[in-house]
Each structure stands twice: as structure tokens, then as C-alpha cells.
Amino acid sequence: MLASKVMSMGSRRAGLPISQVEYLNSARDWLNMGLKDLVARRTWMWRYKEGTITTTASTRTYALASDVLYPLKGSWIHETDDTIMTVVDIRDLDVADPDESMTGGSRAVAVVGISATTGLWQVDLADTPDTSSETIRYRYIIKAAELADDGTDDGTDLDLTYPDWVQHALHLYVSAFLKGENGDESGQVTDLQFYENQIVKMELVDSQAAGQDRVILSGDPEMIGVEFRVLSLNVGV
């Protein structure tokens, strides 16, 4: 579903004409807020994404993808060397290598923070890579989509980042706050409750996607030291 469709449905439910610019702008603002509200609720499975870093010799600091909300620990892999990387505190790197002079194969990564210039997350690799064109893969939670104020993003296809059942809830969020802005407080409360009901359903679906009954792969640390025995094949008569 397109973002413009969600805004149109929300405005229609609120009894407001989306053709009026002031209502369109308000619907867009509340849709943006709704997208952020959803992302903040929990670590949804549909917010997981992968990114890569390509090393440059003698370069220690790297920017992550522009849609990173925050990187996940325990998910950094040096693909070129086929090894897992350790996530450490940046202060530990300061103690181990104060002048950042140690170079070699990177086996540790530390989150530096968000760049004040670009607004992107940054990480340091240790040791500082001595080889270019090596690939490091990481996982992260992506930011909520945000539509531009000028309407240029209204045609965004939400199917690319939000499941169908999430889109259904968003029009309720939009309609609730449009009603509230226009004096219908009881209507706002009602639609927000409908929205919250949808969130509960989403959490159940997301929990199923998370795989509580997942199959553990043989290389998983949870399998170490595990011994399987068939105790009996007698099922009775």
C-alpha cells in the first residue's frame, strides 16, 4: 500500500477531505509519528536488516548504512576471513591501542556513536585494517520511514518495509489524531484503542515469525555438549 493511500484512508475515517492541503499535511505528520511509534514498541522481526563495510587499508573508522536505527551486538562477521568479530567498548580500544597504531586483520569492532556531521552511526575496527576491499557484514534495526514535508515521498510503497498488517493499523493512528486536532476527543480515544488492539495482534504475529519453536543449527553454540538419545520407540498398543 502506498503512503498516500494510508493517509487518504485515515482522513476519510476522520471525515476530513484529503484534497485540502492542511489536512493532507496533518495526515502526513501523524503518519510519520505513527511509523516512529511502531518502531519504538519492540524489536520487530521485520525491522532486521543486513549491511556491509568494505575496508580501506589504514582506515579505522567507518560509517554504517543511512537507515540504521542502531546496530545489533553479536552479529558482526568478517566475511573475507570467515570469522566472527567481537563487539567491544570503545574505551577498551583506547586502553589497548591509545595511538591507534596497531594494524592487521580486524577482529574487534566498537561503536563510536553518531557523527555530528553526517548523522550516521560510526564504528572503529581493531586492529586498523592493513588490507583494502575486505568485507565485513553486520545486522541492524532500521529506522522508521519518514515522509518529506513537501509531499515528494507520499508515493512511497510501504510494502517494502512494513507488513500488510502494520499498514492496516497506521490509518487508525492517523484518523485518531486528526479527530483529536479537530475537536473529536472521544473519536480520538476510540480510534487509538482500535490502534492498540491492532498492535497486540501484530505482536502475536511477530512472535510467530520469531520462531519460538525454531530449529537450532548444528553449529549453534546452544548445541555444544548436547547429547541426543532415543529412550524408547514403544508407543503402546
Protein backbone atom coordinates (compact mmCIF):
# COMPACT_ATOMS: atom_id res chain seq x y z
CA MET A 1 0.00 0.00 0.00
CA LEU A 2 1.24 3.50 -0.80
CA ALA A 3 1.72 6.02 2.00
CA SER A 4 -0.75 8.30 0.23
CA LYS A 5 -3.39 5.56 0.48
CA VAL A 6 -2.89 5.22 4.24
CA MET A 7 -3.23 8.99 4.65
CA SER A 8 -6.33 9.05 2.47
CA MET A 9 -7.99 6.24 4.45
CA GLY A 10 -7.17 7.91 7.76
CA SER A 11 -8.51 11.26 6.61
CA ARG A 12 -11.67 9.69 5.23
CA ARG A 13 -12.28 7.89 8.50
CA ALA A 14 -11.87 11.22 10.31
CA GLY A 15 -14.40 12.81 7.95
CA LEU A 16 -11.86 15.23 6.50
CA PRO A 17 -11.16 15.88 2.80
CA ILE A 18 -7.61 14.86 1.93
CA SER A 19 -7.81 17.25 -1.03
CA GLN A 20 -7.34 20.16 1.37
CA VAL A 21 -3.64 20.83 1.84
CA GLU A 22 -3.90 21.49 5.58
CA TYR A 23 -5.48 18.09 6.20
CA LEU A 24 -3.03 16.34 3.89
CA ASN A 25 -0.11 17.90 5.73
CA SER A 26 -1.56 16.93 9.11
CA ALA A 27 -2.19 13.37 7.92
CA ARG A 28 1.43 13.14 6.74
CA ASP A 29 2.74 14.41 10.08
CA TRP A 30 0.69 11.87 12.01
CA LEU A 31 1.64 9.04 9.69
CA ASN A 32 5.30 9.86 10.35
CA MET A 33 4.62 9.84 14.07
CA GLY A 34 2.76 6.54 13.77
CA LEU A 35 5.66 4.93 11.93
CA LYS A 36 8.00 6.02 14.72
CA ASP A 37 5.59 4.82 17.39
CA LEU A 38 5.50 1.35 15.84
CA VAL A 39 9.27 1.02 15.62
CA ALA A 40 9.67 2.04 19.27
CA ARG A 41 7.23 -0.63 20.52
CA ARG A 42 9.61 -3.59 20.31
CA THR A 43 12.40 -5.11 18.23
CA TRP A 44 10.13 -6.28 15.42
CA MET A 45 11.41 -9.07 13.19
CA TRP A 46 10.53 -7.03 10.12
CA ARG A 47 12.95 -4.30 11.17
CA TYR A 48 16.04 -6.53 10.89
CA LYS A 49 18.41 -5.80 8.02
CA GLU A 50 21.97 -6.54 6.95
CA GLY A 51 24.69 -4.18 5.82
CA THR A 52 28.33 -4.43 4.83
CA ILE A 53 31.52 -2.46 5.28
CA THR A 54 34.32 -2.58 2.72
CA THR A 55 37.68 -1.95 4.33
CA THR A 56 40.27 0.52 3.18
CA ALA A 57 43.85 -0.04 4.28
CA SER A 58 44.89 2.25 7.17
CA THR A 59 41.30 3.45 7.72
CA ARG A 60 39.96 2.72 11.20
CA THR A 61 36.54 4.47 11.33
CA TYR A 62 33.60 3.56 9.08
CA ALA A 63 30.05 4.84 8.66
CA LEU A 64 27.14 2.43 8.74
CA ALA A 65 24.14 2.49 6.41
CA SER A 66 21.95 5.60 6.43
CA ASP A 67 18.86 3.69 7.63
CA VAL A 68 20.48 2.25 10.78
CA LEU A 69 18.43 2.92 13.91
CA TYR A 70 21.01 1.02 15.94
CA PRO A 71 23.44 -1.85 15.19
CA LEU A 72 23.00 -5.24 16.83
CA LYS A 73 25.69 -6.78 19.02
CA GLY A 74 26.87 -10.29 18.30
CA SER A 75 26.15 -10.06 14.59
CA TRP A 76 29.43 -8.81 13.13
CA ILE A 77 31.17 -11.18 10.73
CA HIS A 78 34.42 -10.71 8.83
CA GLU A 79 33.26 -12.40 5.64
CA THR A 80 36.61 -12.25 3.88
CA ASP A 81 38.34 -14.09 6.74
CA ASP A 82 35.24 -16.19 7.57
CA THR A 83 35.29 -15.34 11.27
CA ILE A 84 33.05 -13.77 13.90
CA MET A 85 34.10 -10.38 15.23
CA THR A 86 33.93 -9.34 18.87
CA VAL A 87 31.98 -6.22 19.82
CA VAL A 88 33.88 -4.24 22.46
CA ASP A 89 33.56 -0.95 24.31
CA ILE A 90 35.35 1.91 22.56
CA ARG A 91 37.10 2.68 25.86
CA ASP A 92 38.68 -0.77 25.81
CA LEU A 93 40.24 0.05 22.44
CA ASP A 94 41.60 3.29 23.89
CA VAL A 95 43.39 1.28 26.60
CA ALA A 96 44.65 -1.44 24.24
CA ASP A 97 45.85 0.88 21.49
CA PRO A 98 45.96 4.53 22.62
CA ASP A 99 47.60 5.87 19.47
CA GLU A 100 45.61 3.56 17.14
CA SER A 101 48.83 2.37 15.55
CA MET A 102 48.15 -1.37 15.55
CA THR A 103 47.30 -2.73 12.10
CA GLY A 104 46.37 -6.14 10.80
CA GLY A 105 43.31 -8.32 10.43
CA SER A 106 40.35 -6.71 12.21
CA ARG A 107 38.83 -8.97 14.83
CA ALA A 108 37.02 -6.42 17.02
CA VAL A 109 34.52 -3.64 16.39
CA ALA A 110 33.45 -0.79 18.66
CA VAL A 111 30.53 1.58 18.21
CA VAL A 112 31.85 5.13 18.23
CA GLY A 113 28.49 6.92 18.13
CA ILE A 114 26.59 9.09 15.67
CA SER A 115 28.54 11.54 13.53
CA ALA A 116 27.68 15.15 14.26
CA THR A 117 28.39 15.92 10.61
CA THR A 118 26.53 13.20 8.72
CA GLY A 119 24.13 11.86 11.34
CA LEU A 120 25.31 8.32 10.56
CA TRP A 121 26.38 5.66 13.06
CA GLN A 122 30.14 5.11 13.09
CA VAL A 123 32.30 2.19 14.21
CA ASP A 124 36.01 1.62 14.74
CA LEU A 125 37.70 -1.59 13.62
CA ALA A 126 40.59 -3.09 15.54
CA ASP A 127 43.18 -3.69 14.57
CA THR A 128 43.11 -0.99 11.91
CA PRO A 129 42.78 -2.86 8.58
CA ASP A 130 46.01 -3.27 6.66
CA THR A 131 44.21 -4.55 3.56
CA SER A 132 41.62 -2.93 1.30
CA SER A 133 38.46 -4.44 -0.21
CA GLU A 134 37.73 -6.87 2.63
CA THR A 135 34.05 -7.32 3.51
CA ILE A 136 32.54 -7.09 6.98
CA ARG A 137 28.86 -7.89 7.44
CA TYR A 138 26.64 -6.65 10.26
CA ARG A 139 22.97 -6.70 11.25
CA TYR A 140 20.93 -3.79 12.49
CA ILE A 141 17.45 -2.44 13.17
CA ILE A 142 16.30 0.00 10.51
CA LYS A 143 14.81 3.41 11.19
CA ALA A 144 11.17 4.23 10.67
CA ALA A 145 10.38 5.63 7.25
CA GLU A 146 9.80 9.38 7.27
CA LEU A 147 7.89 11.17 4.55
CA ALA A 148 9.24 14.54 3.43
CA ASP A 149 7.15 17.59 4.30
CA ASP A 150 6.91 18.65 0.65
CA GLY A 151 4.96 15.51 -0.28
CA THR A 152 7.60 14.06 -2.59
CA ASP A 153 7.59 10.79 -0.61
CA ASP A 154 3.81 10.35 -0.50
CA GLY A 155 4.06 7.71 -3.22
CA THR A 156 6.37 5.54 -1.07
CA ASP A 157 5.40 1.87 -1.22
CA LEU A 158 5.17 0.77 2.43
CA ASP A 159 5.17 -2.88 1.33
CA LEU A 160 8.96 -2.59 1.04
CA THR A 161 9.45 -2.05 4.77
CA TYR A 162 6.15 -2.63 6.59
CA PRO A 163 4.00 -5.80 6.51
CA ASP A 164 0.35 -5.54 5.42
CA TRP A 165 -0.96 -5.93 8.95
CA VAL A 166 1.10 -2.97 10.10
CA GLN A 167 -0.27 -0.73 7.37
CA HIS A 168 -3.82 -1.51 8.48
CA ALA A 169 -3.12 -0.14 11.95
CA LEU A 170 -1.49 3.05 10.70
CA HIS A 171 -4.65 4.50 9.16
CA LEU A 172 -6.25 4.24 12.61
CA TYR A 173 -3.36 6.18 14.15
CA VAL A 174 -3.75 8.90 11.50
CA SER A 175 -7.52 9.13 11.92
CA ALA A 176 -7.28 9.23 15.73
CA PHE A 177 -5.06 12.28 15.86
CA LEU A 178 -6.83 14.05 13.02
CA LYS A 179 -10.04 13.67 15.02
CA GLY A 180 -8.31 14.98 18.13
CA GLU A 181 -6.94 18.01 16.29
CA ASN A 182 -10.42 18.85 15.08
CA GLY A 183 -12.18 18.59 18.42
CA ASP A 184 -13.42 14.99 18.36
CA GLU A 185 -11.76 13.78 21.55
CA SER A 186 -14.00 10.76 22.01
CA GLY A 187 -13.33 9.72 18.42
CA GLN A 188 -9.59 10.03 19.07
CA VAL A 189 -9.82 7.80 22.13
CA THR A 190 -11.87 5.21 20.22
CA ASP A 191 -9.52 5.03 17.24
CA LEU A 192 -6.45 4.89 19.45
CA GLN A 193 -7.97 1.91 21.23
CA PHE A 194 -8.59 0.25 17.87
CA TYR A 195 -4.96 1.02 17.02
CA GLU A 196 -3.73 -0.53 20.28
CA ASN A 197 -5.83 -3.63 19.57
CA GLN A 198 -4.07 -3.99 16.24
CA ILE A 199 -0.68 -3.64 17.95
CA VAL A 200 -1.50 -6.62 20.15
CA LYS A 201 -2.33 -8.67 17.06
CA MET A 202 0.90 -7.55 15.42
CA GLU A 203 2.93 -8.67 18.42
CA LEU A 204 1.38 -12.12 18.23
CA VAL A 205 2.15 -12.42 14.52
CA ASP A 206 5.68 -11.13 15.07
CA SER A 207 6.26 -13.65 17.86
CA GLN A 208 5.28 -16.42 15.46
CA ALA A 209 7.72 -15.06 12.90
CA ALA A 210 10.44 -15.01 15.57
CA GLY A 211 10.16 -18.79 15.75
CA GLN A 212 9.78 -19.88 19.33
CA ASP A 213 9.88 -23.46 18.02
CA ARG A 214 12.90 -22.74 15.85
CA VAL A 215 15.27 -25.43 14.62
CA ILE A 216 18.78 -24.96 16.07
CA LEU A 217 21.55 -25.47 13.55
CA SER A 218 24.36 -27.87 14.39
CA GLY A 219 26.91 -25.05 14.52
CA ASP A 220 24.87 -23.07 17.03
CA PRO A 221 26.55 -22.60 20.45
CA GLU A 222 23.37 -23.99 22.02
CA MET A 223 24.23 -27.37 20.52
CA ILE A 224 27.65 -27.68 22.16
CA GLY A 225 27.73 -30.55 24.64
CA VAL A 226 24.21 -31.66 23.79
CA GLU A 227 23.68 -35.41 23.51
CA PHE A 228 20.57 -36.91 21.94
CA ARG A 229 19.26 -40.33 22.97
CA VAL A 230 16.25 -42.32 21.84
CA LEU A 231 14.80 -43.56 25.12
CA SER A 232 12.01 -45.67 23.70
CA LEU A 233 10.20 -46.40 20.48
CA ASN A 234 7.38 -48.23 22.26
CA VAL A 235 4.24 -46.12 21.81
CA GLY A 236 1.91 -48.72 23.32
CA VAL A 237 -0.98 -50.61 21.82
